[in-house]
PDB file of N, CA and C in Angstrom:
ATOM      1  N   UNK A   1      42.561 -26.850 -33.415  1.00  0.00           N
ATOM      2  CA  UNK A   1      42.696 -28.190 -33.917  1.00  0.00           C
ATOM      3  C   UNK A   1      42.657 -29.165 -32.743  1.00  0.00           C
ATOM      4  N   UNK A   2      41.849 -30.176 -32.871  1.00  0.00           N
ATOM      5  CA  UNK A   2      41.699 -31.161 -31.798  1.00  0.00           C
ATOM      6  C   UNK A   2      42.296 -32.497 -32.214  1.00  0.00           C
ATOM      7  N   UNK A   3      43.074 -33.070 -31.329  1.00  0.00           N
ATOM      8  CA  UNK A   3      43.657 -34.392 -31.535  1.00  0.00           C
ATOM      9  C   UNK A   3      42.947 -35.339 -30.587  1.00  0.00           C
ATOM     10  N   UNK A   4      42.374 -36.419 -31.118  1.00  0.00           N
ATOM     11  CA  UNK A   4      41.552 -37.323 -30.315  1.00  0.00           C
ATOM     12  C   UNK A   4      42.189 -38.708 -30.258  1.00  0.00           C
ATOM     13  N   UNK A   5      42.161 -39.303 -29.067  1.00  0.00           N
ATOM     14  CA  UNK A   5      42.580 -40.694 -28.887  1.00  0.00           C
ATOM     15  C   UNK A   5      41.567 -41.361 -27.960  1.00  0.00           C
ATOM     16  N   UNK A   6      41.269 -42.635 -28.224  1.00  0.00           N
ATOM     17  CA  UNK A   6      40.260 -43.348 -27.436  1.00  0.00           C
ATOM     18  C   UNK A   6      40.805 -44.668 -26.922  1.00  0.00           C
ATOM     19  N   UNK A   7      40.339 -45.032 -25.742  1.00  0.00           N
ATOM     20  CA  UNK A   7      40.634 -46.343 -25.157  1.00  0.00           C
ATOM     21  C   UNK A   7      39.299 -46.939 -24.737  1.00  0.00           C
ATOM     22  N   UNK A   8      38.904 -48.015 -25.399  1.00  0.00           N
ATOM     23  CA  UNK A   8      37.608 -48.629 -25.117  1.00  0.00           C
ATOM     24  C   UNK A   8      37.768 -49.929 -24.345  1.00  0.00           C
ATOM     25  N   UNK A   9      36.788 -50.221 -23.511  1.00  0.00           N
ATOM     26  CA  UNK A   9      36.686 -51.469 -22.750  1.00  0.00           C
ATOM     27  C   UNK A   9      37.874 -51.704 -21.824  1.00  0.00           C
ATOM     28  N   UNK A  10      38.357 -50.640 -21.191  1.00  0.00           N
ATOM     29  CA  UNK A  10      39.427 -50.792 -20.205  1.00  0.00           C
ATOM     30  C   UNK A  10      38.832 -51.380 -18.931  1.00  0.00           C
ATOM     31  N   UNK A  11      39.429 -52.448 -18.406  1.00  0.00           N
ATOM     32  CA  UNK A  11      38.865 -53.236 -17.308  1.00  0.00           C
ATOM     33  C   UNK A  11      39.121 -52.594 -15.942  1.00  0.00           C
ATOM     34  N   UNK A  12      38.454 -51.489 -15.710  1.00  0.00           N
ATOM     35  CA  UNK A  12      38.440 -50.834 -14.403  1.00  0.00           C
ATOM     36  C   UNK A  12      37.161 -50.019 -14.351  1.00  0.00           C
ATOM     37  N   UNK A  13      36.648 -49.806 -13.164  1.00  0.00           N
ATOM     38  CA  UNK A  13      35.377 -49.098 -13.067  1.00  0.00           C
ATOM     39  C   UNK A  13      35.570 -47.617 -13.409  1.00  0.00           C
ATOM     40  N   UNK A  14      34.589 -47.008 -14.069  1.00  0.00           N
ATOM     41  CA  UNK A  14      34.702 -45.604 -14.462  1.00  0.00           C
ATOM     42  C   UNK A  14      34.917 -44.674 -13.271  1.00  0.00           C
ATOM     43  N   UNK A  15      34.363 -45.022 -12.143  1.00  0.00           N
ATOM     44  CA  UNK A  15      34.508 -44.185 -10.947  1.00  0.00           C
ATOM     45  C   UNK A  15      35.972 -44.075 -10.527  1.00  0.00           C
ATOM     46  N   UNK A  16      36.712 -45.180 -10.619  1.00  0.00           N
ATOM     47  CA  UNK A  16      38.123 -45.174 -10.236  1.00  0.00           C
ATOM     48  C   UNK A  16      38.996 -44.518 -11.301  1.00  0.00           C
ATOM     49  N   UNK A  17      38.607 -44.681 -12.563  1.00  0.00           N
ATOM     50  CA  UNK A  17      39.386 -44.080 -13.647  1.00  0.00           C
ATOM     51  C   UNK A  17      39.225 -42.559 -13.640  1.00  0.00           C
ATOM     52  N   UNK A  18      38.033 -42.068 -13.294  1.00  0.00           N
ATOM     53  CA  UNK A  18      37.790 -40.620 -13.259  1.00  0.00           C
ATOM     54  C   UNK A  18      38.676 -39.912 -12.240  1.00  0.00           C
ATOM     55  N   UNK A  19      39.024 -40.599 -11.144  1.00  0.00           N
ATOM     56  CA  UNK A  19      39.915 -40.002 -10.150  1.00  0.00           C
ATOM     57  C   UNK A  19      41.244 -39.606 -10.785  1.00  0.00           C
ATOM     58  N   UNK A  20      41.769 -40.463 -11.646  1.00  0.00           N
ATOM     59  CA  UNK A  20      43.041 -40.190 -12.316  1.00  0.00           C
ATOM     60  C   UNK A  20      42.840 -39.197 -13.457  1.00  0.00           C
ATOM     61  N   UNK A  21      41.755 -39.350 -14.207  1.00  0.00           N
ATOM     62  CA  UNK A  21      41.512 -38.502 -15.375  1.00  0.00           C
ATOM     63  C   UNK A  21      41.345 -37.036 -14.983  1.00  0.00           C
ATOM     64  N   UNK A  22      40.688 -36.779 -13.871  1.00  0.00           N
ATOM     65  CA  UNK A  22      40.463 -35.396 -13.448  1.00  0.00           C
ATOM     66  C   UNK A  22      41.747 -34.700 -13.021  1.00  0.00           C
ATOM     67  N   UNK A  23      42.782 -35.467 -12.694  1.00  0.00           N
ATOM     68  CA  UNK A  23      44.046 -34.869 -12.266  1.00  0.00           C
ATOM     69  C   UNK A  23      44.807 -34.229 -13.423  1.00  0.00           C
ATOM     70  N   UNK A  24      44.615 -34.721 -14.652  1.00  0.00           N
ATOM     71  CA  UNK A  24      45.401 -34.206 -15.776  1.00  0.00           C
ATOM     72  C   UNK A  24      44.610 -33.259 -16.677  1.00  0.00           C
ATOM     73  N   UNK A  25      43.347 -33.050 -16.377  1.00  0.00           N
ATOM     74  CA  UNK A  25      42.509 -32.194 -17.215  1.00  0.00           C
ATOM     75  C   UNK A  25      43.033 -30.753 -17.189  1.00  0.00           C
ATOM     76  N   UNK A  26      43.264 -30.181 -18.373  1.00  0.00           N
ATOM     77  CA  UNK A  26      43.709 -28.798 -18.483  1.00  0.00           C
ATOM     78  C   UNK A  26      45.210 -28.591 -18.357  1.00  0.00           C
ATOM     79  N   UNK A  27      45.978 -29.649 -18.162  1.00  0.00           N
ATOM     80  CA  UNK A  27      47.428 -29.515 -17.981  1.00  0.00           C
ATOM     81  C   UNK A  27      48.168 -29.635 -19.308  1.00  0.00           C
ATOM     82  N   UNK A  28      49.416 -29.139 -19.311  1.00  0.00           N
ATOM     83  CA  UNK A  28      50.278 -29.354 -20.467  1.00  0.00           C
ATOM     84  C   UNK A  28      50.605 -30.838 -20.537  1.00  0.00           C
ATOM     85  N   UNK A  29      50.875 -31.327 -21.743  1.00  0.00           N
ATOM     86  CA  UNK A  29      51.108 -32.756 -21.953  1.00  0.00           C
ATOM     87  C   UNK A  29      52.316 -33.244 -21.161  1.00  0.00           C
ATOM     88  N   UNK A  30      53.383 -32.460 -21.141  1.00  0.00           N
ATOM     89  CA  UNK A  30      54.591 -32.878 -20.415  1.00  0.00           C
ATOM     90  C   UNK A  30      54.323 -32.983 -18.915  1.00  0.00           C
ATOM     91  N   UNK A  31      53.560 -32.033 -18.369  1.00  0.00           N
ATOM     92  CA  UNK A  31      53.218 -32.078 -16.940  1.00  0.00           C
ATOM     93  C   UNK A  31      52.309 -33.259 -16.627  1.00  0.00           C
ATOM     94  N   UNK A  32      51.375 -33.547 -17.532  1.00  0.00           N
ATOM     95  CA  UNK A  32      50.436 -34.652 -17.317  1.00  0.00           C
ATOM     96  C   UNK A  32      51.159 -35.995 -17.311  1.00  0.00           C
ATOM     97  N   UNK A  33      52.089 -36.193 -18.246  1.00  0.00           N
ATOM     98  CA  UNK A  33      52.836 -37.457 -18.302  1.00  0.00           C
ATOM     99  C   UNK A  33      53.686 -37.620 -17.053  1.00  0.00           C
ATOM    100  N   UNK A  34      54.317 -36.538 -16.625  1.00  0.00           N
ATOM    101  CA  UNK A  34      55.148 -36.591 -15.425  1.00  0.00           C
ATOM    102  C   UNK A  34      54.316 -36.948 -14.197  1.00  0.00           C
ATOM    103  N   UNK A  35      53.139 -36.366 -14.088  1.00  0.00           N
ATOM    104  CA  UNK A  35      52.272 -36.650 -12.945  1.00  0.00           C
ATOM    105  C   UNK A  35      51.776 -38.098 -12.973  1.00  0.00           C
ATOM    106  N   UNK A  36      51.448 -38.604 -14.150  1.00  0.00           N
ATOM    107  CA  UNK A  36      50.952 -39.979 -14.265  1.00  0.00           C
ATOM    108  C   UNK A  36      52.041 -41.008 -13.971  1.00  0.00           C
ATOM    109  N   UNK A  37      53.299 -40.678 -14.282  1.00  0.00           N
ATOM    110  CA  UNK A  37      54.395 -41.616 -14.027  1.00  0.00           C
ATOM    111  C   UNK A  37      54.563 -41.912 -12.541  1.00  0.00           C
ATOM    112  N   UNK A  38      54.341 -40.905 -11.701  1.00  0.00           N
ATOM    113  CA  UNK A  38      54.583 -41.068 -10.272  1.00  0.00           C
ATOM    114  C   UNK A  38      53.322 -41.370  -9.473  1.00  0.00           C
ATOM    115  N   UNK A  39      52.202 -41.532 -10.156  1.00  0.00           N
ATOM    116  CA  UNK A  39      50.948 -41.851  -9.486  1.00  0.00           C
ATOM    117  C   UNK A  39      50.860 -43.362  -9.282  1.00  0.00           C
ATOM    118  N   UNK A  40      50.386 -43.793  -8.128  1.00  0.00           N
ATOM    119  CA  UNK A  40      50.364 -45.225  -7.814  1.00  0.00           C
ATOM    120  C   UNK A  40      49.023 -45.895  -8.115  1.00  0.00           C
ATOM    121  N   UNK A  41      48.095 -45.192  -8.711  1.00  0.00           N
ATOM    122  CA  UNK A  41      46.798 -45.786  -9.043  1.00  0.00           C
ATOM    123  C   UNK A  41      46.922 -46.652 -10.300  1.00  0.00           C
ATOM    124  N   UNK A  42      46.116 -47.710 -10.377  1.00  0.00           N
ATOM    125  CA  UNK A  42      46.168 -48.658 -11.496  1.00  0.00           C
ATOM    126  C   UNK A  42      45.878 -48.003 -12.853  1.00  0.00           C
ATOM    127  N   UNK A  43      44.881 -47.112 -12.971  1.00  0.00           N
ATOM    128  CA  UNK A  43      44.579 -46.550 -14.300  1.00  0.00           C
ATOM    129  C   UNK A  43      45.607 -45.542 -14.811  1.00  0.00           C
ATOM    130  N   UNK A  44      46.612 -45.184 -14.019  1.00  0.00           N
ATOM    131  CA  UNK A  44      47.540 -44.143 -14.456  1.00  0.00           C
ATOM    132  C   UNK A  44      48.395 -44.576 -15.645  1.00  0.00           C
ATOM    133  N   UNK A  45      48.837 -45.832 -15.679  1.00  0.00           N
ATOM    134  CA  UNK A  45      49.690 -46.256 -16.797  1.00  0.00           C
ATOM    135  C   UNK A  45      48.920 -46.374 -18.118  1.00  0.00           C
ATOM    136  N   UNK A  46      47.694 -46.924 -18.165  1.00  0.00           N
ATOM    137  CA  UNK A  46      46.965 -46.920 -19.445  1.00  0.00           C
ATOM    138  C   UNK A  46      46.604 -45.510 -19.921  1.00  0.00           C
ATOM    139  N   UNK A  47      46.329 -44.593 -18.993  1.00  0.00           N
ATOM    140  CA  UNK A  47      46.020 -43.223 -19.398  1.00  0.00           C
ATOM    141  C   UNK A  47      47.280 -42.546 -19.938  1.00  0.00           C
ATOM    142  N   UNK A  48      48.439 -42.829 -19.335  1.00  0.00           N
ATOM    143  CA  UNK A  48      49.700 -42.286 -19.846  1.00  0.00           C
ATOM    144  C   UNK A  48      49.986 -42.831 -21.246  1.00  0.00           C
ATOM    145  N   UNK A  49      49.704 -44.104 -21.448  1.00  0.00           N
ATOM    146  CA  UNK A  49      49.894 -44.720 -22.765  1.00  0.00           C
ATOM    147  C   UNK A  49      48.952 -44.089 -23.790  1.00  0.00           C
ATOM    148  N   UNK A  50      47.713 -43.810 -23.383  1.00  0.00           N
ATOM    149  CA  UNK A  50      46.744 -43.149 -24.250  1.00  0.00           C
ATOM    150  C   UNK A  50      47.209 -41.737 -24.602  1.00  0.00           C
ATOM    151  N   UNK A  51      47.797 -41.045 -23.637  1.00  0.00           N
ATOM    152  CA  UNK A  51      48.312 -39.696 -23.852  1.00  0.00           C
ATOM    153  C   UNK A  51      49.468 -39.714 -24.858  1.00  0.00           C
ATOM    154  N   UNK A  52      50.349 -40.688 -24.728  1.00  0.00           N
ATOM    155  CA  UNK A  52      51.455 -40.820 -25.691  1.00  0.00           C
ATOM    156  C   UNK A  52      50.926 -41.164 -27.090  1.00  0.00           C
ATOM    157  N   UNK A  53      49.865 -41.949 -27.151  1.00  0.00           N
ATOM    158  CA  UNK A  53      49.237 -42.276 -28.428  1.00  0.00           C
ATOM    159  C   UNK A  53      48.652 -41.023 -29.084  1.00  0.00           C
ATOM    160  N   UNK A  54      48.043 -40.159 -28.282  1.00  0.00           N
ATOM    161  CA  UNK A  54      47.477 -38.916 -28.811  1.00  0.00           C
ATOM    162  C   UNK A  54      48.582 -37.998 -29.334  1.00  0.00           C
ATOM    163  N   UNK A  55      49.736 -37.987 -28.656  1.00  0.00           N
ATOM    164  CA  UNK A  55      50.872 -37.185 -29.123  1.00  0.00           C
ATOM    165  C   UNK A  55      51.364 -37.725 -30.464  1.00  0.00           C
ATOM    166  N   UNK A  56      51.426 -39.047 -30.600  1.00  0.00           N
ATOM    167  CA  UNK A  56      51.828 -39.659 -31.871  1.00  0.00           C
ATOM    168  C   UNK A  56      50.823 -39.345 -32.977  1.00  0.00           C
ATOM    169  N   UNK A  57      49.534 -39.333 -32.629  1.00  0.00           N
ATOM    170  CA  UNK A  57      48.508 -38.953 -33.605  1.00  0.00           C
ATOM    171  C   UNK A  57      48.741 -37.526 -34.095  1.00  0.00           C
ATOM    172  N   UNK A  58      49.108 -36.637 -33.171  1.00  0.00           N
ATOM    173  CA  UNK A  58      49.359 -35.242 -33.538  1.00  0.00           C
ATOM    174  C   UNK A  58      50.553 -35.130 -34.476  1.00  0.00           C
ATOM    175  N   UNK A  59      51.604 -35.899 -34.190  1.00  0.00           N
ATOM    176  CA  UNK A  59      52.809 -35.832 -35.025  1.00  0.00           C
ATOM    177  C   UNK A  59      52.565 -36.425 -36.411  1.00  0.00           C
ATOM    178  N   UNK A  60      51.874 -37.555 -36.480  1.00  0.00           N
ATOM    179  CA  UNK A  60      51.679 -38.232 -37.764  1.00  0.00           C
ATOM    180  C   UNK A  60      50.553 -37.635 -38.601  1.00  0.00           C
ATOM    181  N   UNK A  61      49.438 -37.307 -37.973  1.00  0.00           N
ATOM    182  CA  UNK A  61      48.261 -36.871 -38.730  1.00  0.00           C
ATOM    183  C   UNK A  61      48.198 -35.366 -38.944  1.00  0.00           C
ATOM    184  N   UNK A  62      48.710 -34.585 -37.985  1.00  0.00           N
ATOM    185  CA  UNK A  62      48.581 -33.130 -38.060  1.00  0.00           C
ATOM    186  C   UNK A  62      49.919 -32.426 -38.233  1.00  0.00           C
ATOM    187  N   UNK A  63      51.009 -33.202 -38.358  1.00  0.00           N
ATOM    188  CA  UNK A  63      52.352 -32.663 -38.589  1.00  0.00           C
ATOM    189  C   UNK A  63      52.776 -31.655 -37.518  1.00  0.00           C
ATOM    190  N   UNK A  64      52.413 -31.930 -36.276  1.00  0.00           N
ATOM    191  CA  UNK A  64      52.874 -31.112 -35.156  1.00  0.00           C
ATOM    192  C   UNK A  64      54.194 -31.709 -34.701  1.00  0.00           C
ATOM    193  N   UNK A  65      55.283 -30.975 -34.903  1.00  0.00           N
ATOM    194  CA  UNK A  65      56.615 -31.519 -34.640  1.00  0.00           C
ATOM    195  C   UNK A  65      56.900 -31.631 -33.150  1.00  0.00           C
ATOM    196  N   UNK A  66      56.429 -30.666 -32.381  1.00  0.00           N
ATOM    197  CA  UNK A  66      56.766 -30.621 -30.962  1.00  0.00           C
ATOM    198  C   UNK A  66      55.535 -30.936 -30.123  1.00  0.00           C
ATOM    199  N   UNK A  67      55.632 -31.960 -29.287  1.00  0.00           N
ATOM    200  CA  UNK A  67      54.516 -32.325 -28.418  1.00  0.00           C
ATOM    201  C   UNK A  67      54.349 -31.391 -27.239  1.00  0.00           C
ATOM    202  N   UNK A  68      55.327 -30.482 -27.030  1.00  0.00           N
ATOM    203  CA  UNK A  68      55.275 -29.563 -25.893  1.00  0.00           C
ATOM    204  C   UNK A  68      54.226 -28.469 -26.069  1.00  0.00           C
ATOM    205  N   UNK A  69      53.751 -28.256 -27.292  1.00  0.00           N
ATOM    206  CA  UNK A  69      52.780 -27.188 -27.523  1.00  0.00           C
ATOM    207  C   UNK A  69      51.346 -27.671 -27.315  1.00  0.00           C
ATOM    208  N   UNK A  70      51.184 -28.913 -26.865  1.00  0.00           N
ATOM    209  CA  UNK A  70      49.849 -29.484 -26.681  1.00  0.00           C
ATOM    210  C   UNK A  70      49.437 -29.451 -25.219  1.00  0.00           C
ATOM    211  N   UNK A  71      48.135 -29.352 -25.002  1.00  0.00           N
ATOM    212  CA  UNK A  71      47.597 -29.486 -23.650  1.00  0.00           C
ATOM    213  C   UNK A  71      46.327 -30.325 -23.690  1.00  0.00           C
ATOM    214  N   UNK A  72      45.970 -30.878 -22.541  1.00  0.00           N
ATOM    215  CA  UNK A  72      44.786 -31.734 -22.436  1.00  0.00           C
ATOM    216  C   UNK A  72      43.558 -30.828 -22.378  1.00  0.00           C
ATOM    217  N   UNK A  73      42.788 -30.822 -23.451  1.00  0.00           N
ATOM    218  CA  UNK A  73      41.589 -29.990 -23.496  1.00  0.00           C
ATOM    219  C   UNK A  73      40.454 -30.646 -22.722  1.00  0.00           C
ATOM    220  N   UNK A  74      40.273 -31.952 -22.983  1.00  0.00           N
ATOM    221  CA  UNK A  74      39.143 -32.649 -22.372  1.00  0.00           C
ATOM    222  C   UNK A  74      39.487 -34.124 -22.254  1.00  0.00           C
ATOM    223  N   UNK A  75      39.082 -34.733 -21.159  1.00  0.00           N
ATOM    224  CA  UNK A  75      39.196 -36.187 -21.012  1.00  0.00           C
ATOM    225  C   UNK A  75      37.898 -36.663 -20.375  1.00  0.00           C
ATOM    226  N   UNK A  76      37.218 -37.571 -21.062  1.00  0.00           N
ATOM    227  CA  UNK A  76      35.944 -38.078 -20.554  1.00  0.00           C
ATOM    228  C   UNK A  76      36.051 -39.572 -20.308  1.00  0.00           C
ATOM    229  N   UNK A  77      35.414 -40.006 -19.240  1.00  0.00           N
ATOM    230  CA  UNK A  77      35.396 -41.420 -18.879  1.00  0.00           C
ATOM    231  C   UNK A  77      33.939 -41.848 -18.770  1.00  0.00           C
ATOM    232  N   UNK A  78      33.553 -42.788 -19.615  1.00  0.00           N
ATOM    233  CA  UNK A  78      32.193 -43.304 -19.597  1.00  0.00           C
ATOM    234  C   UNK A  78      32.180 -44.787 -19.284  1.00  0.00           C
ATOM    235  N   UNK A  79      30.992 -45.301 -19.036  1.00  0.00           N
ATOM    236  CA  UNK A  79      30.853 -46.724 -18.719  1.00  0.00           C
ATOM    237  C   UNK A  79      30.865 -47.541 -20.002  1.00  0.00           C
ATOM    238  N   UNK A  80      31.591 -48.634 -19.972  1.00  0.00           N
ATOM    239  CA  UNK A  80      31.618 -49.572 -21.087  1.00  0.00           C
ATOM    240  C   UNK A  80      30.720 -50.752 -20.774  1.00  0.00           C
ATOM    241  N   UNK A  81      30.866 -51.839 -21.518  1.00  0.00           N
ATOM    242  CA  UNK A  81      30.059 -53.024 -21.234  1.00  0.00           C
ATOM    243  C   UNK A  81      30.409 -53.634 -19.881  1.00  0.00           C
ATOM    244  N   UNK A  82      29.427 -54.239 -19.242  1.00  0.00           N
ATOM    245  CA  UNK A  82      29.610 -54.822 -17.909  1.00  0.00           C
ATOM    246  C   UNK A  82      29.622 -56.342 -18.032  1.00  0.00           C
ATOM    247  N   UNK A  83      30.653 -56.966 -17.469  1.00  0.00           N
ATOM    248  CA  UNK A  83      30.720 -58.427 -17.434  1.00  0.00           C
ATOM    249  C   UNK A  83      30.012 -58.901 -16.173  1.00  0.00           C
ATOM    250  N   UNK A  84      29.089 -59.826 -16.310  1.00  0.00           N
ATOM    251  CA  UNK A  84      28.334 -60.305 -15.155  1.00  0.00           C
ATOM    252  C   UNK A  84      28.831 -61.684 -14.751  1.00  0.00           C
ATOM    253  N   UNK A  85      29.204 -61.808 -13.500  1.00  0.00           N
ATOM    254  CA  UNK A  85      29.700 -63.065 -12.941  1.00  0.00           C
ATOM    255  C   UNK A  85      28.873 -63.406 -11.710  1.00  0.00           C
ATOM    256  N   UNK A  86      28.987 -64.651 -11.229  1.00  0.00           N
ATOM    257  CA  UNK A  86      28.222 -65.075 -10.058  1.00  0.00           C
ATOM    258  C   UNK A  86      29.137 -65.670  -9.011  1.00  0.00           C
ATOM    259  N   UNK A  87      28.811 -65.422  -7.753  1.00  0.00           N
ATOM    260  CA  UNK A  87      29.530 -66.007  -6.632  1.00  0.00           C
ATOM    261  C   UNK A  87      28.551 -66.913  -5.885  1.00  0.00           C
ATOM    262  N   UNK A  88      28.898 -68.184  -5.694  1.00  0.00           N
ATOM    263  CA  UNK A  88      27.989 -69.105  -5.001  1.00  0.00           C
ATOM    264  C   UNK A  88      27.769 -68.705  -3.541  1.00  0.00           C
ATOM    265  N   UNK A  89      26.552 -68.867  -3.094  1.00  0.00           N
ATOM    266  CA  UNK A  89      26.191 -68.578  -1.704  1.00  0.00           C
ATOM    267  C   UNK A  89      25.503 -69.803  -1.106  1.00  0.00           C
ATOM    268  N   UNK A  90      25.105 -69.679   0.126  1.00  0.00           N
ATOM    269  CA  UNK A  90      24.510 -70.824   0.821  1.00  0.00           C
ATOM    270  C   UNK A  90      23.135 -71.180   0.250  1.00  0.00           C
ATOM    271  N   UNK A  91      22.728 -72.419   0.450  1.00  0.00           N
ATOM    272  CA  UNK A  91      21.422 -72.945   0.054  1.00  0.00           C
ATOM    273  C   UNK A  91      21.176 -72.822  -1.442  1.00  0.00           C
ATOM    274  N   UNK A  92      22.230 -72.970  -2.241  1.00  0.00           N
ATOM    275  CA  UNK A  92      22.076 -72.997  -3.690  1.00  0.00           C
ATOM    276  C   UNK A  92      21.858 -71.651  -4.353  1.00  0.00           C
ATOM    277  N   UNK A  93      22.015 -70.572  -3.605  1.00  0.00           N
ATOM    278  CA  UNK A  93      21.818 -69.242  -4.187  1.00  0.00           C
ATOM    279  C   UNK A  93      23.125 -68.725  -4.786  1.00  0.00           C
ATOM    280  N   UNK A  94      23.019 -67.615  -5.495  1.00  0.00           N
ATOM    281  CA  UNK A  94      24.211 -66.986  -6.078  1.00  0.00           C
ATOM    282  C   UNK A  94      24.039 -65.473  -6.053  1.00  0.00           C
ATOM    283  N   UNK A  95      25.116 -64.771  -5.763  1.00  0.00           N
ATOM    284  CA  UNK A  95      25.127 -63.311  -5.835  1.00  0.00           C
ATOM    285  C   UNK A  95      25.811 -62.889  -7.127  1.00  0.00           C
ATOM    286  N   UNK A  96      25.329 -61.790  -7.684  1.00  0.00           N
ATOM    287  CA  UNK A  96      25.894 -61.308  -8.934  1.00  0.00           C
ATOM    288  C   UNK A  96      27.068 -60.369  -8.658  1.00  0.00           C
ATOM    289  N   UNK A  97      28.129 -60.526  -9.442  1.00  0.00           N
ATOM    290  CA  UNK A  97      29.283 -59.634  -9.382  1.00  0.00           C
ATOM    291  C   UNK A  97      29.356 -58.912 -10.718  1.00  0.00           C
ATOM    292  N   UNK A  98      29.460 -57.587 -10.692  1.00  0.00           N
ATOM    293  CA  UNK A  98      29.548 -56.791 -11.907  1.00  0.00           C
ATOM    294  C   UNK A  98      30.995 -56.363 -12.120  1.00  0.00           C
ATOM    295  N   UNK A  99      31.594 -56.819 -13.213  1.00  0.00           N
ATOM    296  CA  UNK A  99      32.955 -56.417 -13.576  1.00  0.00           C
ATOM    297  C   UNK A  99      32.812 -55.278 -14.581  1.00  0.00           C
ATOM    298  N   UNK A 100      33.009 -54.063 -14.115  1.00  0.00           N
ATOM    299  CA  UNK A 100      32.752 -52.883 -14.944  1.00  0.00           C
ATOM    300  C   UNK A 100      33.948 -52.537 -15.832  1.00  0.00           C
ATOM    301  N   UNK A 101      33.646 -51.929 -16.979  1.00  0.00           N
ATOM    302  CA  UNK A 101      34.692 -51.468 -17.887  1.00  0.00           C
ATOM    303  C   UNK A 101      34.476 -49.990 -18.191  1.00  0.00           C
ATOM    304  N   UNK A 102      35.516 -49.349 -18.718  1.00  0.00           N
ATOM    305  CA  UNK A 102      35.477 -47.915 -18.988  1.00  0.00           C
ATOM    306  C   UNK A 102      35.842 -47.625 -20.433  1.00  0.00           C
ATOM    307  N   UNK A 103      35.233 -46.582 -20.972  1.00  0.00           N
ATOM    308  CA  UNK A 103      35.612 -46.032 -22.267  1.00  0.00           C
ATOM    309  C   UNK A 103      36.191 -44.643 -22.006  1.00  0.00           C
ATOM    310  N   UNK A 104      37.445 -44.433 -22.414  1.00  0.00           N
ATOM    311  CA  UNK A 104      38.141 -43.176 -22.140  1.00  0.00           C
ATOM    312  C   UNK A 104      38.382 -42.457 -23.460  1.00  0.00           C
ATOM    313  N   UNK A 105      38.011 -41.175 -23.521  1.00  0.00           N
ATOM    314  CA  UNK A 105      38.253 -40.345 -24.697  1.00  0.00           C
ATOM    315  C   UNK A 105      39.103 -39.159 -24.276  1.00  0.00           C
ATOM    316  N   UNK A 106      40.224 -38.973 -24.964  1.00  0.00           N
ATOM    317  CA  UNK A 106      41.169 -37.907 -24.645  1.00  0.00           C
ATOM    318  C   UNK A 106      41.240 -36.942 -25.819  1.00  0.00           C
ATOM    319  N   UNK A 107      41.104 -35.643 -25.541  1.00  0.00           N
ATOM    320  CA  UNK A 107      41.169 -34.616 -26.581  1.00  0.00           C
ATOM    321  C   UNK A 107      42.288 -33.649 -26.223  1.00  0.00           C
ATOM    322  N   UNK A 108      43.239 -33.482 -27.148  1.00  0.00           N
ATOM    323  CA  UNK A 108      44.334 -32.530 -26.970  1.00  0.00           C
ATOM    324  C   UNK A 108      44.111 -31.342 -27.889  1.00  0.00           C
ATOM    325  N   UNK A 109      44.673 -30.186 -27.505  1.00  0.00           N
ATOM    326  CA  UNK A 109      44.632 -29.014 -28.369  1.00  0.00           C
ATOM    327  C   UNK A 109      45.971 -28.304 -28.322  1.00  0.00           C
ATOM    328  N   UNK A 110      46.241 -27.526 -29.365  1.00  0.00           N
ATOM    329  CA  UNK A 110      47.472 -26.747 -29.410  1.00  0.00           C
ATOM    330  C   UNK A 110      47.314 -25.523 -28.529  1.00  0.00           C
ATOM    331  N   UNK A 111      48.379 -25.207 -27.792  1.00  0.00           N
ATOM    332  CA  UNK A 111      48.358 -23.990 -26.983  1.00  0.00           C
ATOM    333  C   UNK A 111      48.724 -22.830 -27.883  1.00  0.00           C
ATOM    334  N   UNK A 112      47.847 -21.847 -27.950  1.00  0.00           N
ATOM    335  CA  UNK A 112      48.146 -20.669 -28.759  1.00  0.00           C
ATOM    336  C   UNK A 112      48.813 -19.604 -27.904  1.00  0.00           C
ATOM    337  N   UNK A 113      49.826 -18.961 -28.464  1.00  0.00           N
ATOM    338  CA  UNK A 113      50.486 -17.861 -27.757  1.00  0.00           C
ATOM    339  C   UNK A 113      49.560 -16.652 -27.801  1.00  0.00           C
ATOM    340  N   UNK A 114      49.308 -16.060 -26.650  1.00  0.00           N
ATOM    341  CA  UNK A 114      48.459 -14.876 -26.579  1.00  0.00           C
ATOM    342  C   UNK A 114      49.349 -13.648 -26.770  1.00  0.00           C
ATOM    343  N   UNK A 115      49.054 -12.859 -27.801  1.00  0.00           N
ATOM    344  CA  UNK A 115      49.855 -11.668 -28.099  1.00  0.00           C
ATOM    345  C   UNK A 115      49.146 -10.460 -27.514  1.00  0.00           C
ATOM    346  N   UNK A 116      49.832  -9.747 -26.613  1.00  0.00           N
ATOM    347  CA  UNK A 116      49.253  -8.549 -26.003  1.00  0.00           C
ATOM    348  C   UNK A 116      49.606  -7.338 -26.861  1.00  0.00           C
ATOM    349  N   UNK A 117      48.613  -6.475 -27.073  1.00  0.00           N
ATOM    350  CA  UNK A 117      48.853  -5.282 -27.894  1.00  0.00           C
ATOM    351  C   UNK A 117      49.027  -4.064 -27.032  1.00  0.00           C
TER     352      UNK A 117
END
């Protein structure tokens, strides 16, 4: 069973968000939240909020009582829409500034107990 949560148009470049996203891939939810709390990068708090949202989705939609049985199966960061701005330069020219945004998709799964025979 997959639990999905999305964050669209987050105002940070995908390259910087991927640095944080790759740190929690494959971890248990409790470990991922703990790691994000102590990380000093800007995207860590919105990703932690997204992770808590996915846990709430699991509790409300799939009736999973305990969030401890979940782990991060997949987290993808893609490019969102780009805001284009201009900075004035000499002799009436202008340079373009690209304000990039990110679309983040988080997929959680239940950890199954492996029974050895």
